Amino acid sequence: PPQKFNVTSYGVLTVAIITVEVFVGMWINAFIVCVLCIAWVKKKTLNSNEKILLLLGCSRFWYLCIIWIYKFLSFIYPNYLYVQSILQLAVFFQAFFNHCNLWFSASLCGFYCIKIANFRNSFFSYLKVKIDRMVPRLLLGSGILALAVSIVAYDIADKPHCNRNATRQGNLGTANIKMDEHFFPSFFLAGFEYAASFLVVIFAAVFLLFSLWRHKRTMQTNSMKDLSMDAHIRAMKSIFSFLVVYSINFVCLVLNMVYVTKKANQLTFLILVFQYVFPGLHSLILVFSNPKLEKALLKILP
């Protein structure tokens, strides 16, 4: 028979890999936040793109910080998580910043699409004119949706532990059924937000690709050179990079929901590795797709 997975080595290896991923991701997102805050102090204002990037960087920084503390305690000192309210608060903040991360990144893709794509449609033209005013409301709505999921997660965080008496009495099947029932509202809301934010990224990529195709055909017909072609191509590279990374993250999130009640094994280990590399990798793509951030990064690297 195949050798069983060693829980001790699993915990140590997982904490080590997550620690590397988390601290790299925290450094990248802290860099984004610092550069934007310095620009904010100098200019006294931020454009809509920078507002989304700033909140995205902050949410990812704190998300990575909280998941590292949570995973460290769960693998090294699990008894600390059974202290009253500690587990609930950890789950609440982890869910809140995770869903803020998803919605802010989806909002950024939608913002790029509306700002750069060109369509002869009255509704799309209205969005293009009003998008800068809509960004604060969009960010507020994203925060409210994330807060809704985190409140549900907080409410059910310690419900499975209420079934410990049933487990001790031998009613293991009943305890598992009750735990799954308690998880269902959180799974439903989280799954809805995962799917909705993923669809926003897909539609943004499709619309921008179609706009680029129409724009290129118009240029060839009129034998003109348009400077917006470069903007289309840069946005396409960024959004398709987002789409690839976002697709991997979406699959990991769904698998994490499926295997959340399972014991530690190789599959959950791989899910954690790919899931926690997403905030740092996506932020690195954002840095190199933004001339200001890229210039600042290349300046401080030496």
C-alpha atoms as a PDB file:
ATOM      1  CA  PRO A   1       0.000   0.000   0.000  1.00  0.00           C
ATOM      2  CA  PRO A   2       1.161   3.598  -0.539  1.00  0.00           C
ATOM      3  CA  GLN A   3       2.878   5.293   2.378  1.00  0.00           C
ATOM      4  CA  LYS A   4       0.596   7.438   4.540  1.00  0.00           C
ATOM      5  CA  PHE A   5       1.138  11.187   4.548  1.00  0.00           C
ATOM      6  CA  ASN A   6       2.980  12.257   7.695  1.00  0.00           C
ATOM      7  CA  VAL A   7       0.924  14.934   9.464  1.00  0.00           C
ATOM      8  CA  THR A   8       3.970  16.335  11.274  1.00  0.00           C
ATOM      9  CA  SER A   9       6.061  16.721   8.135  1.00  0.00           C
ATOM     10  CA  TYR A  10       2.969  18.052   6.365  1.00  0.00           C
ATOM     11  CA  GLY A  11       2.549  20.773   8.971  1.00  0.00           C
ATOM     12  CA  VAL A  12       6.201  21.818   8.967  1.00  0.00           C
ATOM     13  CA  LEU A  13       6.454  21.811   5.155  1.00  0.00           C
ATOM     14  CA  THR A  14       3.183  23.706   4.752  1.00  0.00           C
ATOM     15  CA  VAL A  15       4.149  26.381   7.282  1.00  0.00           C
ATOM     16  CA  ALA A  16       7.595  26.772   5.648  1.00  0.00           C
ATOM     17  CA  ILE A  17       6.223  27.179   2.107  1.00  0.00           C
ATOM     18  CA  ILE A  18       3.353  29.417   3.191  1.00  0.00           C
ATOM     19  CA  THR A  19       5.810  31.572   5.160  1.00  0.00           C
ATOM     20  CA  VAL A  20       7.937  32.157   2.047  1.00  0.00           C
ATOM     21  CA  GLU A  21       4.886  32.890  -0.129  1.00  0.00           C
ATOM     22  CA  VAL A  22       3.300  35.147   2.477  1.00  0.00           C
ATOM     23  CA  PHE A  23       6.361  37.288   3.187  1.00  0.00           C
ATOM     24  CA  VAL A  24       7.125  37.739  -0.531  1.00  0.00           C
ATOM     25  CA  GLY A  25       3.494  38.705  -1.148  1.00  0.00           C
ATOM     26  CA  MET A  26       3.439  41.053   1.853  1.00  0.00           C
ATOM     27  CA  TRP A  27       6.607  42.772   0.626  1.00  0.00           C
ATOM     28  CA  ILE A  28       5.183  43.307  -2.872  1.00  0.00           C
ATOM     29  CA  ASN A  29       1.866  44.649  -1.608  1.00  0.00           C
ATOM     30  CA  ALA A  30       3.554  46.830   1.021  1.00  0.00           C
ATOM     31  CA  PHE A  31       5.675  48.267  -1.805  1.00  0.00           C
ATOM     32  CA  ILE A  32       2.532  49.084  -3.834  1.00  0.00           C
ATOM     33  CA  VAL A  33       0.873  50.747  -0.838  1.00  0.00           C
ATOM     34  CA  CYS A  34       3.984  52.781   0.036  1.00  0.00           C
ATOM     35  CA  VAL A  35       4.491  54.055  -3.531  1.00  0.00           C
ATOM     36  CA  LEU A  36       0.842  55.071  -3.849  1.00  0.00           C
ATOM     37  CA  CYS A  37       0.767  56.719  -0.408  1.00  0.00           C
ATOM     38  CA  ILE A  38       3.886  58.757  -1.264  1.00  0.00           C
ATOM     39  CA  ALA A  39       2.250  59.824  -4.542  1.00  0.00           C
ATOM     40  CA  TRP A  40      -0.936  60.677  -2.617  1.00  0.00           C
ATOM     41  CA  VAL A  41       0.985  62.911  -0.205  1.00  0.00           C
ATOM     42  CA  LYS A  42       2.792  64.668  -3.062  1.00  0.00           C
ATOM     43  CA  LYS A  43      -0.207  65.172  -5.373  1.00  0.00           C
ATOM     44  CA  LYS A  44      -2.855  65.460  -2.620  1.00  0.00           C
ATOM     45  CA  THR A  45      -5.072  63.216  -4.761  1.00  0.00           C
ATOM     46  CA  LEU A  46      -5.277  59.797  -6.395  1.00  0.00           C
ATOM     47  CA  ASN A  47      -6.908  58.796  -9.656  1.00  0.00           C
ATOM     48  CA  SER A  48      -9.457  55.971  -9.763  1.00  0.00           C
ATOM     49  CA  ASN A  49      -6.947  53.350 -10.848  1.00  0.00           C
ATOM     50  CA  GLU A  50      -4.643  54.217  -7.937  1.00  0.00           C
ATOM     51  CA  LYS A  51      -7.519  54.127  -5.438  1.00  0.00           C
ATOM     52  CA  ILE A  52      -8.354  50.559  -6.441  1.00  0.00           C
ATOM     53  CA  LEU A  53      -4.692  49.544  -6.357  1.00  0.00           C
ATOM     54  CA  LEU A  54      -4.224  51.104  -2.915  1.00  0.00           C
ATOM     55  CA  LEU A  55      -7.173  49.280  -1.358  1.00  0.00           C
ATOM     56  CA  LEU A  56      -6.216  46.071  -3.153  1.00  0.00           C
ATOM     57  CA  GLY A  57      -2.668  46.267  -1.796  1.00  0.00           C
ATOM     58  CA  CYS A  58      -3.906  46.960   1.753  1.00  0.00           C
ATOM     59  CA  SER A  59      -6.433  44.101   1.693  1.00  0.00           C
ATOM     60  CA  ARG A  60      -3.860  41.643   0.374  1.00  0.00           C
ATOM     61  CA  PHE A  61      -1.237  42.702   2.898  1.00  0.00           C
ATOM     62  CA  TRP A  62      -3.541  42.106   5.851  1.00  0.00           C
ATOM     63  CA  TYR A  63      -5.009  38.942   4.309  1.00  0.00           C
ATOM     64  CA  LEU A  64      -1.538  37.429   3.965  1.00  0.00           C
ATOM     65  CA  CYS A  65      -0.608  38.508   7.490  1.00  0.00           C
ATOM     66  CA  ILE A  66      -3.732  36.944   9.016  1.00  0.00           C
ATOM     67  CA  ILE A  67      -3.542  33.655   7.095  1.00  0.00           C
ATOM     68  CA  TRP A  68       0.092  33.239   8.120  1.00  0.00           C
ATOM     69  CA  ILE A  69      -0.788  33.692  11.807  1.00  0.00           C
ATOM     70  CA  TYR A  70      -3.802  31.392  11.433  1.00  0.00           C
ATOM     71  CA  LYS A  71      -1.872  28.617   9.662  1.00  0.00           C
ATOM     72  CA  PHE A  72       1.057  28.924  12.045  1.00  0.00           C
ATOM     73  CA  LEU A  73      -1.211  28.502  15.061  1.00  0.00           C
ATOM     74  CA  SER A  74      -3.275  25.709  13.459  1.00  0.00           C
ATOM     75  CA  PHE A  75      -0.206  23.614  12.677  1.00  0.00           C
ATOM     76  CA  ILE A  76       2.195  24.497  15.523  1.00  0.00           C
ATOM     77  CA  TYR A  77      -0.048  25.603  18.436  1.00  0.00           C
ATOM     78  CA  PRO A  78      -3.591  24.399  17.552  1.00  0.00           C
ATOM     79  CA  ASN A  79      -4.836  24.675  21.148  1.00  0.00           C
ATOM     80  CA  TYR A  80      -4.579  28.471  20.996  1.00  0.00           C
ATOM     81  CA  LEU A  81      -7.342  28.510  18.360  1.00  0.00           C
ATOM     82  CA  TYR A  82      -9.809  27.015  20.842  1.00  0.00           C
ATOM     83  CA  VAL A  83      -9.640  30.059  23.086  1.00  0.00           C
ATOM     84  CA  GLN A  84     -12.991  31.823  23.060  1.00  0.00           C
ATOM     85  CA  SER A  85     -13.408  34.275  20.126  1.00  0.00           C
ATOM     86  CA  ILE A  86      -9.868  33.726  18.772  1.00  0.00           C
ATOM     87  CA  LEU A  87     -10.988  31.311  16.054  1.00  0.00           C
ATOM     88  CA  GLN A  88     -14.051  33.397  15.214  1.00  0.00           C
ATOM     89  CA  LEU A  89     -12.020  36.600  14.836  1.00  0.00           C
ATOM     90  CA  ALA A  90      -9.381  34.842  12.719  1.00  0.00           C
ATOM     91  CA  VAL A  91     -12.018  33.411  10.385  1.00  0.00           C
ATOM     92  CA  PHE A  92     -13.872  36.747  10.237  1.00  0.00           C
ATOM     93  CA  PHE A  93     -10.847  38.813   9.201  1.00  0.00           C
ATOM     94  CA  GLN A  94      -9.527  36.123   6.873  1.00  0.00           C
ATOM     95  CA  ALA A  95     -12.880  35.904   5.050  1.00  0.00           C
ATOM     96  CA  PHE A  96     -13.267  39.689   4.927  1.00  0.00           C
ATOM     97  CA  PHE A  97      -9.850  40.471   3.443  1.00  0.00           C
ATOM     98  CA  ASN A  98      -9.985  37.465   1.113  1.00  0.00           C
ATOM     99  CA  HIS A  99     -13.272  38.592  -0.446  1.00  0.00           C
ATOM    100  CA  CYS A 100     -12.129  42.223  -0.548  1.00  0.00           C
ATOM    101  CA  ASN A 101      -9.110  40.943  -2.452  1.00  0.00           C
ATOM    102  CA  LEU A 102     -11.350  39.121  -4.960  1.00  0.00           C
ATOM    103  CA  TRP A 103     -13.742  42.021  -5.520  1.00  0.00           C
ATOM    104  CA  PHE A 104     -11.093  44.750  -5.703  1.00  0.00           C
ATOM    105  CA  SER A 105      -9.117  42.770  -8.311  1.00  0.00           C
ATOM    106  CA  ALA A 106     -12.316  42.141 -10.293  1.00  0.00           C
ATOM    107  CA  SER A 107     -13.163  45.858 -10.047  1.00  0.00           C
ATOM    108  CA  LEU A 108      -9.721  46.712 -11.394  1.00  0.00           C
ATOM    109  CA  CYS A 109     -10.265  44.480 -14.441  1.00  0.00           C
ATOM    110  CA  GLY A 110     -13.678  46.032 -15.054  1.00  0.00           C
ATOM    111  CA  PHE A 111     -12.207  49.525 -14.695  1.00  0.00           C
ATOM    112  CA  TYR A 112      -9.497  48.780 -17.281  1.00  0.00           C
ATOM    113  CA  CYS A 113     -12.098  47.411 -19.676  1.00  0.00           C
ATOM    114  CA  ILE A 114     -14.436  50.402 -19.419  1.00  0.00           C
ATOM    115  CA  LYS A 115     -11.646  52.981 -19.625  1.00  0.00           C
ATOM    116  CA  ILE A 116      -9.789  51.481 -22.603  1.00  0.00           C
ATOM    117  CA  ALA A 117     -12.365  49.590 -24.697  1.00  0.00           C
ATOM    118  CA  ASN A 118     -14.241  51.476 -27.412  1.00  0.00           C
ATOM    119  CA  PHE A 119     -17.843  50.571 -28.238  1.00  0.00           C
ATOM    120  CA  ARG A 120     -20.518  52.604 -29.984  1.00  0.00           C
ATOM    121  CA  ASN A 121     -23.114  52.004 -27.329  1.00  0.00           C
ATOM    122  CA  SER A 122     -24.927  54.627 -25.283  1.00  0.00           C
ATOM    123  CA  PHE A 123     -24.781  52.630 -22.047  1.00  0.00           C
ATOM    124  CA  PHE A 124     -21.079  51.898 -22.461  1.00  0.00           C
ATOM    125  CA  SER A 125     -20.409  55.568 -23.243  1.00  0.00           C
ATOM    126  CA  TYR A 126     -22.326  56.516 -20.098  1.00  0.00           C
ATOM    127  CA  LEU A 127     -20.177  54.120 -18.044  1.00  0.00           C
ATOM    128  CA  LYS A 128     -16.995  55.531 -19.561  1.00  0.00           C
ATOM    129  CA  VAL A 129     -17.974  59.052 -18.537  1.00  0.00           C
ATOM    130  CA  LYS A 130     -19.252  58.158 -15.067  1.00  0.00           C
ATOM    131  CA  ILE A 131     -16.776  55.415 -14.096  1.00  0.00           C
ATOM    132  CA  ASP A 132     -14.510  57.729 -12.072  1.00  0.00           C
ATOM    133  CA  ARG A 133     -17.455  58.822  -9.925  1.00  0.00           C
ATOM    134  CA  MET A 134     -18.674  55.237  -9.626  1.00  0.00           C
ATOM    135  CA  VAL A 135     -15.364  53.832  -8.355  1.00  0.00           C
ATOM    136  CA  PRO A 136     -15.840  54.892  -4.663  1.00  0.00           C
ATOM    137  CA  ARG A 137     -19.337  53.374  -4.652  1.00  0.00           C
ATOM    138  CA  LEU A 138     -18.024  50.257  -6.356  1.00  0.00           C
ATOM    139  CA  LEU A 139     -15.322  49.862  -3.727  1.00  0.00           C
ATOM    140  CA  LEU A 140     -17.840  50.461  -0.933  1.00  0.00           C
ATOM    141  CA  GLY A 141     -20.175  47.833  -2.397  1.00  0.00           C
ATOM    142  CA  SER A 142     -17.281  45.375  -2.641  1.00  0.00           C
ATOM    143  CA  GLY A 143     -16.492  45.948   1.025  1.00  0.00           C
ATOM    144  CA  ILE A 144     -20.145  45.404   2.010  1.00  0.00           C
ATOM    145  CA  LEU A 145     -20.329  42.105   0.094  1.00  0.00           C
ATOM    146  CA  ALA A 146     -17.097  40.952   1.723  1.00  0.00           C
ATOM    147  CA  LEU A 147     -18.448  41.986   5.131  1.00  0.00           C
ATOM    148  CA  ALA A 148     -21.629  39.931   4.576  1.00  0.00           C
ATOM    149  CA  VAL A 149     -19.626  36.752   3.967  1.00  0.00           C
ATOM    150  CA  SER A 150     -17.292  37.424   6.891  1.00  0.00           C
ATOM    151  CA  ILE A 151     -20.233  37.925   9.288  1.00  0.00           C
ATOM    152  CA  VAL A 152     -21.713  34.571   8.261  1.00  0.00           C
ATOM    153  CA  ALA A 153     -18.269  32.958   8.608  1.00  0.00           C
ATOM    154  CA  TYR A 154     -17.895  34.497  12.083  1.00  0.00           C
ATOM    155  CA  ASP A 155     -21.286  33.174  13.127  1.00  0.00           C
ATOM    156  CA  ILE A 156     -20.554  29.564  12.141  1.00  0.00           C
ATOM    157  CA  ALA A 157     -16.823  29.525  12.992  1.00  0.00           C
ATOM    158  CA  ASP A 158     -17.243  27.605  16.242  1.00  0.00           C
ATOM    159  CA  LYS A 159     -20.411  25.658  15.386  1.00  0.00           C
ATOM    160  CA  PRO A 160     -18.573  22.376  14.583  1.00  0.00           C
ATOM    161  CA  HIS A 161     -16.943  22.530  18.034  1.00  0.00           C
ATOM    162  CA  CYS A 162     -20.394  22.554  19.606  1.00  0.00           C
ATOM    163  CA  ASN A 163     -20.793  19.022  18.294  1.00  0.00           C
ATOM    164  CA  ARG A 164     -17.847  17.628  20.250  1.00  0.00           C
ATOM    165  CA  ASN A 165     -20.201  16.066  22.797  1.00  0.00           C
ATOM    166  CA  ALA A 166     -21.998  14.197  20.038  1.00  0.00           C
ATOM    167  CA  THR A 167     -18.676  12.982  18.673  1.00  0.00           C
ATOM    168  CA  ARG A 168     -17.593  11.734  22.096  1.00  0.00           C
ATOM    169  CA  GLN A 169     -20.816   9.759  22.370  1.00  0.00           C
ATOM    170  CA  GLY A 170     -20.066   7.970  19.132  1.00  0.00           C
ATOM    171  CA  ASN A 171     -22.528   9.853  16.913  1.00  0.00           C
ATOM    172  CA  LEU A 172     -19.817  10.792  14.430  1.00  0.00           C
ATOM    173  CA  GLY A 173     -22.134  10.723  11.410  1.00  0.00           C
ATOM    174  CA  THR A 174     -24.640  13.043  13.091  1.00  0.00           C
ATOM    175  CA  ALA A 175     -21.880  15.472  14.069  1.00  0.00           C
ATOM    176  CA  ASN A 176     -20.570  15.630  10.493  1.00  0.00           C
ATOM    177  CA  ILE A 177     -24.049  16.227   9.088  1.00  0.00           C
ATOM    178  CA  LYS A 178     -24.640  19.112  11.511  1.00  0.00           C
ATOM    179  CA  MET A 179     -21.249  20.604  10.638  1.00  0.00           C
ATOM    180  CA  ASP A 180     -22.029  20.519   6.902  1.00  0.00           C
ATOM    181  CA  GLU A 181     -25.417  22.150   7.519  1.00  0.00           C
ATOM    182  CA  HIS A 182     -23.759  24.966   9.457  1.00  0.00           C
ATOM    183  CA  PHE A 183     -21.216  25.458   6.666  1.00  0.00           C
ATOM    184  CA  PHE A 184     -23.828  25.678   3.898  1.00  0.00           C
ATOM    185  CA  PRO A 185     -24.717  29.432   4.216  1.00  0.00           C
ATOM    186  CA  SER A 186     -21.047  30.373   4.204  1.00  0.00           C
ATOM    187  CA  PHE A 187     -20.357  28.049   1.254  1.00  0.00           C
ATOM    188  CA  PHE A 188     -23.293  29.486  -0.686  1.00  0.00           C
ATOM    189  CA  LEU A 189     -22.301  33.133  -0.176  1.00  0.00           C
ATOM    190  CA  ALA A 190     -18.604  32.465  -0.749  1.00  0.00           C
ATOM    191  CA  GLY A 191     -19.295  30.407  -3.878  1.00  0.00           C
ATOM    192  CA  PHE A 192     -21.566  33.129  -5.243  1.00  0.00           C
ATOM    193  CA  GLU A 193     -18.911  35.806  -4.710  1.00  0.00           C
ATOM    194  CA  TYR A 194     -16.161  33.619  -6.198  1.00  0.00           C
ATOM    195  CA  ALA A 195     -18.246  32.945  -9.319  1.00  0.00           C
ATOM    196  CA  ALA A 196     -19.463  36.552  -9.694  1.00  0.00           C
ATOM    197  CA  SER A 197     -15.983  38.090  -9.383  1.00  0.00           C
ATOM    198  CA  PHE A 198     -14.571  35.467 -11.774  1.00  0.00           C
ATOM    199  CA  LEU A 199     -17.276  36.295 -14.347  1.00  0.00           C
ATOM    200  CA  VAL A 200     -16.367  39.988 -14.121  1.00  0.00           C
ATOM    201  CA  VAL A 201     -12.762  39.139 -15.052  1.00  0.00           C
ATOM    202  CA  ILE A 202     -13.887  36.888 -17.947  1.00  0.00           C
ATOM    203  CA  PHE A 203     -16.264  39.493 -19.389  1.00  0.00           C
ATOM    204  CA  ALA A 204     -13.637  42.232 -19.066  1.00  0.00           C
ATOM    205  CA  ALA A 205     -11.137  40.092 -21.011  1.00  0.00           C
ATOM    206  CA  VAL A 206     -13.681  39.203 -23.719  1.00  0.00           C
ATOM    207  CA  PHE A 207     -14.908  42.791 -24.200  1.00  0.00           C
ATOM    208  CA  LEU A 208     -11.397  44.183 -24.316  1.00  0.00           C
ATOM    209  CA  LEU A 209     -10.306  41.539 -26.827  1.00  0.00           C
ATOM    210  CA  PHE A 210     -13.296  42.316 -29.054  1.00  0.00           C
ATOM    211  CA  SER A 211     -12.583  46.057 -28.780  1.00  0.00           C
ATOM    212  CA  LEU A 212      -8.948  45.467 -29.740  1.00  0.00           C
ATOM    213  CA  TRP A 213      -9.993  43.404 -32.766  1.00  0.00           C
ATOM    214  CA  ARG A 214     -12.427  46.116 -33.973  1.00  0.00           C
ATOM    215  CA  HIS A 215      -9.867  48.849 -33.338  1.00  0.00           C
ATOM    216  CA  LYS A 216      -7.160  47.022 -35.281  1.00  0.00           C
ATOM    217  CA  ARG A 217      -9.521  46.386 -38.211  1.00  0.00           C
ATOM    218  CA  THR A 218     -10.495  50.081 -38.304  1.00  0.00           C
ATOM    219  CA  MET A 219      -6.848  51.127 -38.349  1.00  0.00           C
ATOM    220  CA  GLN A 220      -6.064  48.787 -41.245  1.00  0.00           C
ATOM    221  CA  THR A 221      -9.062  50.062 -43.206  1.00  0.00           C
ATOM    222  CA  ASN A 222      -8.222  53.736 -42.697  1.00  0.00           C
ATOM    223  CA  SER A 223      -4.434  53.250 -42.904  1.00  0.00           C
ATOM    224  CA  MET A 224      -4.047  55.256 -39.714  1.00  0.00           C
ATOM    225  CA  LYS A 225      -1.807  54.920 -36.702  1.00  0.00           C
ATOM    226  CA  ASP A 226      -3.604  55.311 -33.422  1.00  0.00           C
ATOM    227  CA  LEU A 227      -1.795  55.716 -30.111  1.00  0.00           C
ATOM    228  CA  SER A 228      -4.579  53.896 -28.262  1.00  0.00           C
ATOM    229  CA  MET A 229      -3.444  50.618 -29.845  1.00  0.00           C
ATOM    230  CA  ASP A 230      -0.566  50.472 -27.338  1.00  0.00           C
ATOM    231  CA  ALA A 231      -2.997  51.049 -24.487  1.00  0.00           C
ATOM    232  CA  HIS A 232      -5.199  48.212 -25.771  1.00  0.00           C
ATOM    233  CA  ILE A 233      -2.257  45.827 -26.011  1.00  0.00           C
ATOM    234  CA  ARG A 234      -0.921  46.691 -22.542  1.00  0.00           C
ATOM    235  CA  ALA A 235      -4.366  46.255 -21.021  1.00  0.00           C
ATOM    236  CA  MET A 236      -4.854  42.955 -22.850  1.00  0.00           C
ATOM    237  CA  LYS A 237      -1.558  41.594 -21.533  1.00  0.00           C
ATOM    238  CA  SER A 238      -2.479  42.597 -17.998  1.00  0.00           C
ATOM    239  CA  ILE A 239      -6.038  41.297 -18.066  1.00  0.00           C
ATOM    240  CA  PHE A 240      -5.141  37.996 -19.707  1.00  0.00           C
ATOM    241  CA  SER A 241      -2.410  37.547 -17.111  1.00  0.00           C
ATOM    242  CA  PHE A 242      -5.094  38.289 -14.508  1.00  0.00           C
ATOM    243  CA  LEU A 243      -7.389  35.755 -16.182  1.00  0.00           C
ATOM    244  CA  VAL A 244      -4.841  32.934 -16.089  1.00  0.00           C
ATOM    245  CA  VAL A 245      -3.832  33.581 -12.476  1.00  0.00           C
ATOM    246  CA  TYR A 246      -7.441  34.235 -11.447  1.00  0.00           C
ATOM    247  CA  SER A 247      -8.571  30.942 -13.048  1.00  0.00           C
ATOM    248  CA  ILE A 248      -6.013  28.970 -11.043  1.00  0.00           C
ATOM    249  CA  ASN A 249      -7.024  30.813  -7.877  1.00  0.00           C
ATOM    250  CA  PHE A 250     -10.731  30.205  -8.570  1.00  0.00           C
ATOM    251  CA  VAL A 251     -10.167  26.455  -8.964  1.00  0.00           C
ATOM    252  CA  CYS A 252      -8.143  26.403  -5.721  1.00  0.00           C
ATOM    253  CA  LEU A 253     -10.870  28.301  -3.855  1.00  0.00           C
ATOM    254  CA  VAL A 254     -13.548  25.864  -5.044  1.00  0.00           C
ATOM    255  CA  LEU A 255     -11.398  22.841  -4.166  1.00  0.00           C
ATOM    256  CA  ASN A 256     -10.656  24.384  -0.777  1.00  0.00           C
ATOM    257  CA  MET A 257     -14.405  24.642  -0.130  1.00  0.00           C
ATOM    258  CA  VAL A 258     -14.873  20.999  -1.180  1.00  0.00           C
ATOM    259  CA  TYR A 259     -12.039  19.663   0.985  1.00  0.00           C
ATOM    260  CA  VAL A 260     -12.426  22.034   3.944  1.00  0.00           C
ATOM    261  CA  THR A 261     -13.749  19.240   6.187  1.00  0.00           C
ATOM    262  CA  LYS A 262     -11.203  16.651   5.032  1.00  0.00           C
ATOM    263  CA  LYS A 263      -8.054  15.679   6.844  1.00  0.00           C
ATOM    264  CA  ALA A 264      -4.648  16.928   5.758  1.00  0.00           C
ATOM    265  CA  ASN A 265      -3.379  15.236   2.589  1.00  0.00           C
ATOM    266  CA  GLN A 266      -1.327  15.937  -0.507  1.00  0.00           C
ATOM    267  CA  LEU A 267      -4.216  17.554  -2.398  1.00  0.00           C
ATOM    268  CA  THR A 268      -5.020  20.096   0.309  1.00  0.00           C
ATOM    269  CA  PHE A 269      -1.304  20.852   0.535  1.00  0.00           C
ATOM    270  CA  LEU A 270      -1.158  21.703  -3.194  1.00  0.00           C
ATOM    271  CA  ILE A 271      -4.351  23.750  -2.908  1.00  0.00           C
ATOM    272  CA  LEU A 272      -2.820  25.849  -0.125  1.00  0.00           C
ATOM    273  CA  VAL A 273       0.411  26.355  -2.076  1.00  0.00           C
ATOM    274  CA  PHE A 274      -1.366  27.624  -5.203  1.00  0.00           C
ATOM    275  CA  GLN A 275      -3.969  29.622  -3.278  1.00  0.00           C
ATOM    276  CA  TYR A 276      -1.499  31.614  -1.196  1.00  0.00           C
ATOM    277  CA  VAL A 277       0.843  32.375  -4.098  1.00  0.00           C
ATOM    278  CA  PHE A 278      -1.992  34.228  -5.873  1.00  0.00           C
ATOM    279  CA  PRO A 279      -1.922  37.556  -3.930  1.00  0.00           C
ATOM    280  CA  GLY A 280       1.825  38.001  -4.442  1.00  0.00           C
ATOM    281  CA  LEU A 281       1.935  36.831  -8.064  1.00  0.00           C
ATOM    282  CA  HIS A 282      -1.045  38.930  -9.118  1.00  0.00           C
ATOM    283  CA  SER A 283       0.373  41.994  -7.369  1.00  0.00           C
ATOM    284  CA  LEU A 284       3.700  41.464  -9.144  1.00  0.00           C
ATOM    285  CA  ILE A 285       1.855  41.488 -12.487  1.00  0.00           C
ATOM    286  CA  LEU A 286       0.170  44.727 -11.417  1.00  0.00           C
ATOM    287  CA  VAL A 287       3.550  46.292 -10.645  1.00  0.00           C
ATOM    288  CA  PHE A 288       4.993  45.497 -14.069  1.00  0.00           C
ATOM    289  CA  SER A 289       1.825  46.618 -15.864  1.00  0.00           C
ATOM    290  CA  ASN A 290       1.926  50.030 -14.169  1.00  0.00           C
ATOM    291  CA  PRO A 291       4.751  52.339 -15.409  1.00  0.00           C
ATOM    292  CA  LYS A 292       4.941  54.294 -12.140  1.00  0.00           C
ATOM    293  CA  LEU A 293       5.189  51.175  -9.962  1.00  0.00           C
ATOM    294  CA  GLU A 294       7.606  49.470 -12.336  1.00  0.00           C
ATOM    295  CA  LYS A 295       9.892  52.513 -12.405  1.00  0.00           C
ATOM    296  CA  ALA A 296       9.874  52.732  -8.599  1.00  0.00           C
ATOM    297  CA  LEU A 297      10.620  49.012  -8.255  1.00  0.00           C
ATOM    298  CA  LEU A 298      13.533  49.097 -10.709  1.00  0.00           C
ATOM    299  CA  LYS A 299      14.906  52.121  -8.868  1.00  0.00           C
ATOM    300  CA  ILE A 300      15.020  50.458  -5.442  1.00  0.00           C
ATOM    301  CA  LEU A 301      16.098  46.941  -6.520  1.00  0.00           C
ATOM    302  CA  PRO A 302      19.836  47.745  -6.852  1.00  0.00           C
END
